[in-house]
Amino acid sequence: MFNDKKYVFETDKTRTVRRLKSLLMTLASVFFVYTILCIILLLVSKQENQESRQTFFKKSPDLIVVFTGDAGRIPYAIKLAKELKQSNILISGVHSKNNVDLLLKNINTESQINPNFLELDYQARNTYENVMRTLDYIRASKGFKDILVISHDYHILRIKAVFEEKRRKDDSYTLYYSGVNTNYSNFRNIKILYKEVFKFFRTIAYLSLADID
């Protein structure tokens, strides 16, 4: 009761100002926390990139998987395939009108990759389905042990969360991740990063509900 006494003689103007200040402080706090979460997404990707570079310094992955979406992922995967001397690539989430020739048309693949070792997944429509189709492919092949998954830096944490949730006890593969570095001086990319935080928690909620069912 005594805590509210200072507001007894407030005018409409001072009350409005006080509430506006409170709202702005709340929004600033939310923005700060949200920004921290964005930074965490990028730090996870950086750590995963370092781990994959260390792992594949003297050996090659058995399979490189690319999740389609933002531009630059396929060229990045082909570049890594050349560096790591691995031509087995699965591209997940390909549009039905695309094929190997169309996907590689604008990429200089000379002496970099054998198109015969490139597999396309046309079924996946989102990150969850990317993961599930990839798991089906890995489990059917049974010969892949070390697998490198490629996407953009902001996307890695969500992909990893779905893979870990859907992994079976008898799965014997090991997953590594490499994220395409995004230029965050571009406002479009900043928006994508902030939206990714929402998508990450939405995915976690979906996975939790799926477990309950």
Protein backbone atom coordinates (compact mmCIF):
# COMPACT_ATOMS: atom_id res chain seq x y z
CA MET A 1 0.00 0.00 0.00
CA PHE A 2 2.78 2.44 0.98
CA ASN A 3 4.74 1.56 -2.20
CA ASP A 4 1.98 3.10 -4.33
CA LYS A 5 1.76 6.32 -2.30
CA LYS A 6 4.15 8.22 -4.56
CA TYR A 7 1.67 7.79 -7.41
CA VAL A 8 -1.35 9.27 -5.58
CA PHE A 9 -0.81 12.79 -6.92
CA GLU A 10 0.30 11.79 -10.42
CA THR A 11 -1.10 13.73 -13.31
CA ASP A 12 -2.19 12.02 -16.48
CA LYS A 13 0.95 13.28 -18.17
CA THR A 14 3.39 11.95 -15.57
CA ARG A 15 1.55 8.63 -15.44
CA THR A 16 1.82 8.31 -19.23
CA VAL A 17 5.52 9.17 -19.13
CA ARG A 18 6.15 6.64 -16.35
CA ARG A 19 4.34 3.88 -18.24
CA LEU A 20 6.16 4.75 -21.46
CA LYS A 21 9.51 4.57 -19.69
CA SER A 22 8.56 1.21 -18.20
CA LEU A 23 7.53 -0.09 -21.63
CA LEU A 24 10.76 1.12 -23.22
CA MET A 25 12.83 -0.52 -20.49
CA THR A 26 10.97 -3.79 -21.02
CA LEU A 27 11.47 -3.64 -24.79
CA ALA A 28 15.15 -2.81 -24.35
CA SER A 29 15.57 -5.79 -22.01
CA VAL A 30 13.84 -8.13 -24.45
CA PHE A 31 15.96 -6.82 -27.32
CA PHE A 32 19.13 -7.30 -25.27
CA VAL A 33 18.26 -10.90 -24.37
CA TYR A 34 17.25 -11.63 -27.96
CA THR A 35 20.54 -10.23 -29.22
CA ILE A 36 22.47 -12.42 -26.78
CA LEU A 37 20.62 -15.46 -28.15
CA CYS A 38 21.57 -14.43 -31.69
CA ILE A 39 25.21 -14.21 -30.66
CA ILE A 40 24.97 -17.68 -29.10
CA LEU A 41 23.73 -19.09 -32.42
CA LEU A 42 26.78 -17.68 -34.18
CA LEU A 43 29.19 -18.82 -31.48
CA VAL A 44 27.85 -22.38 -31.75
CA SER A 45 28.40 -22.30 -35.50
CA LYS A 46 31.95 -20.99 -35.04
CA GLN A 47 32.74 -23.77 -32.58
CA GLU A 48 31.28 -26.41 -34.90
CA ASN A 49 33.33 -25.05 -37.81
CA GLN A 50 36.50 -25.32 -35.76
CA GLU A 51 35.70 -28.87 -34.69
CA SER A 52 34.98 -29.99 -38.25
CA ARG A 53 38.21 -28.40 -39.54
CA GLN A 54 40.22 -30.18 -36.86
CA THR A 55 38.48 -33.51 -37.50
CA PHE A 56 38.91 -33.43 -41.26
CA PHE A 57 42.41 -32.01 -41.28
CA LYS A 58 43.96 -35.36 -42.20
CA LYS A 59 40.92 -37.37 -43.27
CA SER A 60 37.78 -36.93 -45.37
CA PRO A 61 34.15 -37.19 -44.31
CA ASP A 62 32.25 -40.16 -45.71
CA LEU A 63 29.41 -37.88 -46.81
CA ILE A 64 28.74 -34.17 -47.18
CA VAL A 65 25.12 -33.10 -46.69
CA VAL A 66 23.81 -29.70 -47.79
CA PHE A 67 20.50 -28.27 -46.63
CA THR A 68 19.08 -25.97 -49.29
CA GLY A 69 17.63 -22.59 -48.39
CA ASP A 70 19.74 -19.46 -48.50
CA ALA A 71 22.12 -18.86 -51.42
CA GLY A 72 25.75 -19.91 -51.20
CA ARG A 73 25.40 -23.28 -49.50
CA ILE A 74 25.90 -25.50 -52.54
CA PRO A 75 28.99 -23.63 -53.81
CA TYR A 76 30.41 -23.76 -50.27
CA ALA A 77 29.77 -27.52 -50.11
CA ILE A 78 31.47 -28.11 -53.45
CA LYS A 79 34.45 -26.02 -52.35
CA LEU A 80 34.77 -28.14 -49.20
CA ALA A 81 34.31 -31.34 -51.21
CA LYS A 82 37.34 -30.40 -53.27
CA GLU A 83 39.40 -29.48 -50.22
CA LEU A 84 38.41 -32.63 -48.34
CA LYS A 85 38.67 -34.89 -51.41
CA GLN A 86 35.12 -36.17 -51.01
CA SER A 87 32.63 -36.28 -53.89
CA ASN A 88 29.74 -37.94 -52.06
CA ILE A 89 27.27 -35.10 -51.58
CA LEU A 90 23.59 -35.19 -50.63
CA ILE A 91 21.62 -32.02 -51.33
CA SER A 92 18.41 -32.06 -49.29
CA GLY A 93 15.35 -29.97 -50.05
CA VAL A 94 15.76 -29.58 -53.82
CA HIS A 95 12.89 -28.10 -55.83
CA SER A 96 11.19 -30.62 -58.11
CA LYS A 97 12.13 -28.63 -61.23
CA ASN A 98 15.85 -28.77 -60.45
CA ASN A 99 18.38 -31.43 -61.36
CA VAL A 100 22.14 -31.87 -61.00
CA ASP A 101 22.94 -29.96 -64.17
CA LEU A 102 20.77 -26.99 -63.20
CA LEU A 103 22.14 -26.82 -59.67
CA LEU A 104 25.73 -26.88 -60.90
CA LYS A 105 25.15 -24.67 -63.94
CA ASN A 106 26.47 -21.45 -62.40
CA ILE A 107 29.21 -23.14 -60.38
CA ASN A 108 32.64 -23.83 -61.76
CA THR A 109 32.84 -27.53 -60.95
CA GLU A 110 35.62 -28.46 -63.33
CA SER A 111 37.92 -30.95 -61.61
CA GLN A 112 36.02 -30.38 -58.37
CA ILE A 113 33.23 -32.90 -58.25
CA ASN A 114 31.88 -35.90 -60.09
CA PRO A 115 28.13 -35.27 -60.67
CA ASN A 116 27.59 -39.03 -60.53
CA PHE A 117 28.32 -38.96 -56.80
CA LEU A 118 25.83 -36.18 -56.12
CA GLU A 119 22.43 -37.23 -54.75
CA LEU A 120 19.32 -35.02 -54.62
CA ASP A 121 16.51 -35.19 -52.09
CA TYR A 122 13.27 -33.71 -53.44
CA GLN A 123 11.03 -34.55 -50.49
CA ALA A 124 12.21 -32.24 -47.68
CA ARG A 125 10.37 -28.92 -47.39
CA ASN A 126 11.80 -27.58 -44.13
CA THR A 127 14.62 -28.14 -41.63
CA TYR A 128 12.84 -30.95 -39.80
CA GLU A 129 12.24 -32.84 -43.03
CA ASN A 130 15.82 -32.13 -44.16
CA VAL A 131 17.01 -33.96 -41.07
CA MET A 132 14.57 -36.86 -41.40
CA ARG A 133 15.38 -37.44 -45.10
CA THR A 134 19.08 -37.26 -44.31
CA LEU A 135 18.71 -39.83 -41.53
CA ASP A 136 16.81 -42.13 -43.87
CA TYR A 137 19.61 -41.81 -46.42
CA ILE A 138 22.37 -42.45 -43.86
CA ARG A 139 20.61 -45.44 -42.31
CA ALA A 140 19.86 -46.99 -45.71
CA SER A 141 23.46 -46.63 -46.86
CA LYS A 142 24.97 -48.00 -43.61
CA GLY A 143 28.48 -47.19 -44.74
CA PHE A 144 28.71 -43.58 -43.64
CA LYS A 145 30.45 -42.95 -40.34
CA ASP A 146 31.69 -39.34 -40.42
CA ILE A 147 29.18 -36.94 -41.94
CA LEU A 148 29.62 -33.22 -42.54
CA VAL A 149 26.39 -31.17 -42.56
CA ILE A 150 26.44 -27.78 -44.26
CA SER A 151 24.11 -24.81 -43.95
CA HIS A 152 24.45 -21.15 -42.95
CA ASP A 153 25.96 -20.14 -39.60
CA TYR A 154 22.63 -18.98 -38.13
CA HIS A 155 21.02 -22.32 -39.01
CA ILE A 156 23.49 -24.77 -37.48
CA LEU A 157 22.14 -24.84 -33.90
CA ARG A 158 18.60 -25.65 -35.03
CA ILE A 159 19.80 -28.42 -37.33
CA LYS A 160 21.93 -29.90 -34.56
CA ALA A 161 19.01 -29.82 -32.11
CA VAL A 162 16.78 -31.80 -34.48
CA PHE A 163 19.49 -34.34 -35.29
CA GLU A 164 20.20 -34.96 -31.60
CA GLU A 165 16.50 -35.35 -30.85
CA LYS A 166 15.93 -37.84 -33.69
CA ARG A 167 19.12 -39.85 -33.23
CA ARG A 168 18.59 -43.52 -32.32
CA LYS A 169 20.62 -45.46 -29.81
CA ASP A 170 21.83 -47.81 -32.53
CA ASP A 171 22.96 -45.01 -34.88
CA SER A 172 26.72 -45.34 -35.29
CA TYR A 173 27.48 -42.24 -37.36
CA THR A 174 29.13 -39.04 -36.12
CA LEU A 175 27.85 -35.67 -37.31
CA TYR A 176 29.94 -32.57 -37.85
CA TYR A 177 28.73 -29.16 -38.95
CA SER A 178 30.05 -26.32 -41.06
CA GLY A 179 28.23 -23.03 -41.51
CA VAL A 180 28.55 -20.55 -44.34
CA ASN A 181 29.62 -17.24 -42.79
CA THR A 182 26.94 -14.59 -43.23
CA ASN A 183 27.62 -10.90 -43.81
CA TYR A 184 25.71 -9.14 -41.03
CA SER A 185 26.41 -5.65 -42.34
CA ASN A 186 23.41 -6.43 -44.55
CA PHE A 187 20.08 -5.58 -42.87
CA ARG A 188 18.37 -8.51 -44.63
CA ASN A 189 20.78 -10.95 -42.99
CA ILE A 190 20.28 -9.38 -39.56
CA LYS A 191 16.53 -9.96 -39.94
CA ILE A 192 17.17 -13.58 -40.90
CA LEU A 193 19.34 -14.04 -37.81
CA TYR A 194 16.72 -12.58 -35.46
CA LYS A 195 13.98 -14.68 -37.06
CA GLU A 196 16.13 -17.76 -36.60
CA VAL A 197 16.00 -17.39 -32.81
CA PHE A 198 12.20 -17.60 -32.99
CA LYS A 199 12.39 -20.58 -35.38
CA PHE A 200 14.80 -22.35 -33.04
CA PHE A 201 12.46 -22.15 -30.04
CA ARG A 202 9.48 -23.02 -32.21
CA THR A 203 11.33 -26.15 -33.35
CA ILE A 204 12.23 -27.08 -29.76
CA ALA A 205 8.58 -26.70 -28.79
CA TYR A 206 7.49 -28.86 -31.73
CA LEU A 207 9.99 -31.58 -30.83
CA SER A 208 8.82 -31.54 -27.20
CA LEU A 209 5.19 -31.88 -28.21
CA ALA A 210 6.07 -34.67 -30.62
CA ASP A 211 7.72 -36.58 -27.77
CA ILE A 212 4.59 -36.19 -25.64
CA ASP A 213 2.46 -37.61 -28.44
